[in-house]
Amino acid sequence: QLSEDVERASENPTDEREGEMEVHEDASSVILPDSELGTTAPSLRFSKTCLKNVFSVILLFIYLLLMAVAVFLVYQTISDFREKLKHPVMSVSYKEVSLYDAPGIAFYPGKARLLSCKHHYYDHIPPLINPGQPGDIECTTQRINYTDPFTNQSMKYALVVQGPRDVKKKELVFLQFHLNGTDQDFSAIDYLLFSSFQEFINSPEKAEFMKDCESSYSSWKFSGGFRTWVKMSLVKTKEEDGSETVEFKQETSVVNYIDQRTKPRSDQLFFVVFEWKDPFIQTVQDIVTANPWNMIALLCGIFLALFKAADFAKLSVKWMIKIRKRHLKRSHQVRNHIS
């Protein structure tokens, strides 16, 4: 309404002059009380304008407060994103399989000799008929000599056996070793597990392959005079560069072997069983929980709110200045009318 009045006044200056002349004429002919001349109408207009100005100032402060909150959110969002980039979260996922890629089991028997090796199913291992005597070797085996990767001088002899595959049928591999005598107080056979027996078979440089496996995988032992039951689980770890490393976790239980042979023997018998613990392959990788697209969308929304708030604050200030000017102009006009 104020803007329309200003436009009308600018478009019809002659009407205003005529109105002013009529007011002068009426003022000269009629005498009004002081309360009707300068108190009632200007005070009402002044109170309304004051309320509008106060309300505008309150709105301005509210939007300034919102702008401060938006700036704080921008800072906090960027800080959280940088913190999450520095500290990724470890993610563990499980993949169920029915068949594993047959692992390779590398034994370092020393003077011990492999007597028998068989694949059994459903955890059923029949009793030994002739313990300590050579039996059937039904496993796929490979013998290899290579240089010790840590000394590069001594030669190592390894017997590589294909591990179990069928996890649903609880396939296991049962091996029996024999050691005729030893100079040590304790007798044990070292072994290590690597991820794929087929990769070993297809490798053109089997000696280098075994050296790399010994450098990458941990080795374990099983003792003579016991049946050692090894349950394996596979863990794959994805590195930051995209490469993947594989390692084995083991649960080992040891059962005492009762030697029922008639004559007392000085030799040692070794029994070991390998099977899969469960059909789940565990995959471990580091994940950055900060999503850059979410952060960009949030920042865009915050900056849009900032621009809107700044634009509203600018318009509010302009509107307050314009209202003030109009109020002063009308007060001046009223004083002129009264005079």
Foldseek 3Di string as FASTA:
>chain_A
DLVVVVVVCVVCVVVVVVVLVVLVVCCVVDPDDPCVQPPDVLVVVVVVLVVVLVVLVVLLVVLVVLLVVLVVVLVVLVVVLVVLVVPFDKDKDKDFDQWAAWKKKKKQQPQKDWQEKDKDFPPDDDDDDDPPHHDYHPWDKDWDKAAALVPSPDITIIIITTAGIGVVRFIKMKTKIKFQADPDPWDKMKMWIDRHPVCLVPDPCNRVVVNVCPVQADMDIFGWQKEKEKAKAKEWEQDPVGDIDIYIDIDIDIGGDDDPDDDDGNMTMYMYMYTHPHRIHMYMYTHRPDDVVVSVVSSVVSVVSSVVSVVSSVVSVVVSVVSVVSSVVVVVVSVSSND
